[in-house]
Amino acid sequence: MNYVHSRNPVLDIKLAVSILISSDFLQMKELVETTLAFIANHLQDIVNLPIDMSCINTQLISQLANCVKLHVLESLEDKKDKLRSKLYI
């Protein structure tokens, strides 16, 4: 909610997944799209975070897959396979 109510909101790598899930739940379409684009642009950094990605639903994974370029996905180092295989599917 701090992100939504701030005058100059800036997405943070550490909070991006939480903001994505919350904005989807609250049906905030523009914020979902903004957050998906942010995650796509910082995918390696997001995957490196010590967080569980299984809470991202199938619809959001599909939307994220549409935002990620194939060469980025191929070069993604995801040792614990938090997102890579889901994005390929």
N, C-alpha and C. Protein backbone atom coordinates (compact mmCIF):
# COMPACT_ATOMS: atom_id res chain seq x y z
N MET A 1 0.82 -1.19 0.00
CA MET A 1 0.00 0.00 0.00
C MET A 1 0.87 1.26 0.00
N ASN A 2 2.07 1.15 0.58
CA ASN A 2 2.97 2.30 0.55
C ASN A 2 3.30 2.68 -0.89
N TYR A 3 3.47 1.68 -1.74
CA TYR A 3 3.77 1.96 -3.15
C TYR A 3 2.61 2.72 -3.79
N VAL A 4 1.40 2.27 -3.56
CA VAL A 4 0.22 2.85 -4.18
C VAL A 4 0.00 4.29 -3.71
N HIS A 5 0.25 4.55 -2.44
CA HIS A 5 -0.04 5.86 -1.87
C HIS A 5 1.12 6.86 -1.94
N SER A 6 2.27 6.45 -2.41
CA SER A 6 3.39 7.39 -2.48
C SER A 6 3.22 8.31 -3.69
N ARG A 7 3.81 9.49 -3.59
CA ARG A 7 3.69 10.47 -4.67
C ARG A 7 4.50 10.05 -5.89
N ASN A 8 5.67 9.53 -5.68
CA ASN A 8 6.55 9.08 -6.76
C ASN A 8 6.90 7.62 -6.54
N PRO A 9 5.98 6.72 -6.85
CA PRO A 9 6.24 5.31 -6.57
C PRO A 9 7.36 4.75 -7.45
N VAL A 10 8.24 4.01 -6.82
CA VAL A 10 9.34 3.36 -7.52
C VAL A 10 9.32 1.89 -7.12
N LEU A 11 9.27 1.03 -8.13
CA LEU A 11 9.29 -0.40 -7.83
C LEU A 11 10.67 -0.81 -7.36
N ASP A 12 10.69 -1.75 -6.44
CA ASP A 12 11.91 -2.26 -5.87
C ASP A 12 11.99 -3.75 -6.17
N ILE A 13 13.16 -4.23 -6.47
CA ILE A 13 13.34 -5.65 -6.82
C ILE A 13 12.84 -6.55 -5.69
N LYS A 14 13.10 -6.16 -4.46
CA LYS A 14 12.71 -6.99 -3.31
C LYS A 14 11.21 -7.07 -3.11
N LEU A 15 10.48 -6.06 -3.57
CA LEU A 15 9.03 -6.02 -3.34
C LEU A 15 8.20 -6.31 -4.59
N ALA A 16 8.83 -6.46 -5.72
CA ALA A 16 8.10 -6.57 -6.99
C ALA A 16 7.12 -7.75 -7.02
N VAL A 17 7.54 -8.91 -6.54
CA VAL A 17 6.64 -10.08 -6.58
C VAL A 17 5.46 -9.87 -5.65
N SER A 18 5.69 -9.32 -4.48
CA SER A 18 4.60 -9.05 -3.54
C SER A 18 3.63 -8.04 -4.12
N ILE A 19 4.16 -6.99 -4.75
CA ILE A 19 3.29 -5.98 -5.37
C ILE A 19 2.50 -6.59 -6.51
N LEU A 20 3.13 -7.47 -7.29
CA LEU A 20 2.43 -8.14 -8.39
C LEU A 20 1.26 -8.97 -7.87
N ILE A 21 1.51 -9.78 -6.88
CA ILE A 21 0.45 -10.65 -6.34
C ILE A 21 -0.67 -9.82 -5.72
N SER A 22 -0.30 -8.81 -4.96
CA SER A 22 -1.31 -7.96 -4.31
C SER A 22 -2.12 -7.17 -5.33
N SER A 23 -1.46 -6.61 -6.32
CA SER A 23 -2.19 -5.82 -7.32
C SER A 23 -3.10 -6.70 -8.16
N ASP A 24 -2.70 -7.94 -8.39
CA ASP A 24 -3.57 -8.87 -9.12
C ASP A 24 -4.80 -9.19 -8.27
N PHE A 25 -4.58 -9.46 -7.00
CA PHE A 25 -5.69 -9.77 -6.09
C PHE A 25 -6.67 -8.60 -5.99
N LEU A 26 -6.13 -7.39 -5.96
CA LEU A 26 -6.96 -6.19 -5.84
C LEU A 26 -7.47 -5.69 -7.19
N GLN A 27 -7.17 -6.43 -8.25
CA GLN A 27 -7.62 -6.14 -9.62
C GLN A 27 -7.19 -4.74 -10.07
N MET A 28 -5.93 -4.44 -9.84
CA MET A 28 -5.34 -3.16 -10.25
C MET A 28 -4.56 -3.41 -11.53
N LYS A 29 -5.27 -3.42 -12.64
CA LYS A 29 -4.72 -3.85 -13.93
C LYS A 29 -3.46 -3.09 -14.34
N GLU A 30 -3.47 -1.78 -14.22
CA GLU A 30 -2.31 -0.99 -14.63
C GLU A 30 -1.08 -1.32 -13.79
N LEU A 31 -1.29 -1.50 -12.50
CA LEU A 31 -0.16 -1.85 -11.63
C LEU A 31 0.35 -3.25 -11.94
N VAL A 32 -0.54 -4.16 -12.26
CA VAL A 32 -0.13 -5.52 -12.66
C VAL A 32 0.76 -5.43 -13.90
N GLU A 33 0.32 -4.68 -14.89
CA GLU A 33 1.09 -4.55 -16.13
C GLU A 33 2.44 -3.89 -15.89
N THR A 34 2.45 -2.85 -15.07
CA THR A 34 3.71 -2.16 -14.75
C THR A 34 4.67 -3.09 -14.03
N THR A 35 4.14 -3.84 -13.08
CA THR A 35 4.97 -4.75 -12.30
C THR A 35 5.48 -5.91 -13.15
N LEU A 36 4.65 -6.43 -14.02
CA LEU A 36 5.09 -7.50 -14.92
C LEU A 36 6.24 -7.02 -15.81
N ALA A 37 6.13 -5.82 -16.33
CA ALA A 37 7.19 -5.27 -17.17
C ALA A 37 8.46 -5.08 -16.36
N PHE A 38 8.33 -4.62 -15.12
CA PHE A 38 9.49 -4.44 -14.25
C PHE A 38 10.17 -5.78 -13.97
N ILE A 39 9.38 -6.78 -13.64
CA ILE A 39 9.93 -8.11 -13.35
C ILE A 39 10.62 -8.67 -14.60
N ALA A 40 10.00 -8.51 -15.76
CA ALA A 40 10.60 -8.99 -17.01
C ALA A 40 11.95 -8.33 -17.25
N ASN A 41 12.06 -7.05 -16.93
CA ASN A 41 13.30 -6.32 -17.14
C ASN A 41 14.37 -6.62 -16.10
N HIS A 42 13.97 -7.18 -14.97
CA HIS A 42 14.90 -7.49 -13.88
C HIS A 42 14.80 -8.97 -13.48
N LEU A 43 14.50 -9.81 -14.45
CA LEU A 43 14.19 -11.21 -14.17
C LEU A 43 15.31 -11.94 -13.42
N GLN A 44 16.55 -11.76 -13.83
CA GLN A 44 17.66 -12.45 -13.17
C GLN A 44 17.76 -12.02 -11.70
N ASP A 45 17.63 -10.75 -11.43
CA ASP A 45 17.69 -10.26 -10.06
C ASP A 45 16.52 -10.78 -9.22
N ILE A 46 15.36 -10.87 -9.82
CA ILE A 46 14.17 -11.37 -9.11
C ILE A 46 14.35 -12.85 -8.77
N VAL A 47 14.84 -13.62 -9.74
CA VAL A 47 15.04 -15.06 -9.52
C VAL A 47 16.10 -15.31 -8.44
N ASN A 48 17.06 -14.43 -8.34
CA ASN A 48 18.12 -14.59 -7.34
C ASN A 48 17.67 -14.31 -5.91
N LEU A 49 16.51 -13.71 -5.75
CA LEU A 49 16.00 -13.40 -4.42
C LEU A 49 15.61 -14.69 -3.69
N PRO A 50 15.78 -14.70 -2.38
CA PRO A 50 15.40 -15.90 -1.60
C PRO A 50 13.90 -15.90 -1.27
N ILE A 51 13.07 -15.91 -2.30
CA ILE A 51 11.63 -15.94 -2.08
C ILE A 51 11.01 -17.08 -2.89
N ASP A 52 9.84 -17.52 -2.42
CA ASP A 52 9.11 -18.60 -3.08
C ASP A 52 8.26 -18.02 -4.20
N MET A 53 8.44 -18.49 -5.41
CA MET A 53 7.71 -17.97 -6.56
C MET A 53 6.45 -18.79 -6.86
N SER A 54 6.20 -19.84 -6.09
CA SER A 54 5.05 -20.69 -6.36
C SER A 54 3.72 -19.99 -6.10
N CYS A 55 3.77 -18.84 -5.43
CA CYS A 55 2.54 -18.10 -5.13
C CYS A 55 2.06 -17.27 -6.33
N ILE A 56 2.86 -17.22 -7.39
CA ILE A 56 2.45 -16.50 -8.60
C ILE A 56 1.54 -17.43 -9.40
N ASN A 57 0.31 -16.99 -9.65
CA ASN A 57 -0.65 -17.87 -10.30
C ASN A 57 -0.34 -18.07 -11.79
N THR A 58 -0.99 -19.03 -12.38
CA THR A 58 -0.75 -19.42 -13.77
C THR A 58 -1.02 -18.29 -14.75
N GLN A 59 -2.05 -17.51 -14.50
CA GLN A 59 -2.38 -16.40 -15.39
C GLN A 59 -1.27 -15.35 -15.38
N LEU A 60 -0.73 -15.04 -14.21
CA LEU A 60 0.36 -14.07 -14.12
C LEU A 60 1.63 -14.61 -14.77
N ILE A 61 1.88 -15.90 -14.60
CA ILE A 61 3.05 -16.52 -15.23
C ILE A 61 2.92 -16.40 -16.75
N SER A 62 1.74 -16.64 -17.26
CA SER A 62 1.50 -16.53 -18.70
C SER A 62 1.72 -15.10 -19.19
N GLN A 63 1.22 -14.13 -18.45
CA GLN A 63 1.41 -12.73 -18.82
C GLN A 63 2.89 -12.36 -18.75
N LEU A 64 3.59 -12.86 -17.74
CA LEU A 64 5.01 -12.58 -17.61
C LEU A 64 5.78 -13.20 -18.77
N ALA A 65 5.40 -14.40 -19.15
CA ALA A 65 6.07 -15.07 -20.28
C ALA A 65 5.95 -14.24 -21.55
N ASN A 66 4.84 -13.57 -21.72
CA ASN A 66 4.65 -12.72 -22.90
C ASN A 66 5.54 -11.47 -22.86
N CYS A 67 6.00 -11.10 -21.68
CA CYS A 67 6.85 -9.91 -21.52
C CYS A 67 8.34 -10.23 -21.65
N VAL A 68 8.70 -11.51 -21.48
CA VAL A 68 10.11 -11.89 -21.46
C VAL A 68 10.54 -12.32 -22.86
N LYS A 69 11.61 -11.74 -23.32
CA LYS A 69 12.16 -12.12 -24.63
C LYS A 69 12.85 -13.47 -24.51
N LEU A 70 12.80 -14.24 -25.58
CA LEU A 70 13.32 -15.61 -25.56
C LEU A 70 14.81 -15.64 -25.21
N HIS A 71 15.61 -14.74 -25.74
CA HIS A 71 17.05 -14.77 -25.43
C HIS A 71 17.31 -14.48 -23.95
N VAL A 72 16.45 -13.70 -23.31
CA VAL A 72 16.58 -13.44 -21.87
C VAL A 72 16.25 -14.71 -21.10
N LEU A 73 15.20 -15.38 -21.51
CA LEU A 73 14.80 -16.63 -20.84
C LEU A 73 15.87 -17.70 -21.00
N GLU A 74 16.46 -17.79 -22.18
CA GLU A 74 17.50 -18.79 -22.41
C GLU A 74 18.76 -18.52 -21.59
N SER A 75 19.05 -17.28 -21.32
CA SER A 75 20.26 -16.95 -20.54
C SER A 75 19.98 -16.87 -19.04
N LEU A 76 18.75 -17.07 -18.63
CA LEU A 76 18.38 -16.98 -17.23
C LEU A 76 19.01 -18.11 -16.43
N GLU A 77 19.72 -17.75 -15.36
CA GLU A 77 20.29 -18.75 -14.45
C GLU A 77 19.33 -18.91 -13.28
N ASP A 78 18.61 -20.01 -13.30
CA ASP A 78 17.58 -20.30 -12.30
C ASP A 78 17.85 -21.69 -11.74
N LYS A 79 18.84 -21.80 -10.87
CA LYS A 79 19.29 -23.10 -10.37
C LYS A 79 18.20 -23.87 -9.65
N LYS A 80 17.32 -23.19 -8.95
CA LYS A 80 16.24 -23.86 -8.23
C LYS A 80 14.97 -23.96 -9.06
N ASP A 81 15.04 -23.51 -10.30
CA ASP A 81 13.92 -23.54 -11.24
C ASP A 81 12.65 -22.92 -10.63
N LYS A 82 12.81 -21.72 -10.13
CA LYS A 82 11.68 -21.00 -9.55
C LYS A 82 10.69 -20.54 -10.62
N LEU A 83 11.21 -20.12 -11.77
CA LEU A 83 10.35 -19.57 -12.82
C LEU A 83 10.63 -20.10 -14.21
N ARG A 84 11.85 -20.44 -14.49
CA ARG A 84 12.27 -20.71 -15.88
C ARG A 84 11.37 -21.72 -16.60
N SER A 85 11.18 -22.89 -16.03
CA SER A 85 10.37 -23.91 -16.72
C SER A 85 8.92 -23.46 -16.86
N LYS A 86 8.41 -22.75 -15.87
CA LYS A 86 7.03 -22.26 -15.94
C LYS A 86 6.88 -21.25 -17.08
N LEU A 87 7.89 -20.41 -17.25
CA LEU A 87 7.83 -19.41 -18.32
C LEU A 87 7.94 -20.07 -19.69
N TYR A 88 8.73 -21.14 -19.79
CA TYR A 88 8.82 -21.86 -21.07
C TYR A 88 7.48 -22.49 -21.44
N ILE A 89 6.83 -23.05 -20.46
CA ILE A 89 5.53 -23.71 -20.72
C ILE A 89 4.52 -22.69 -21.20
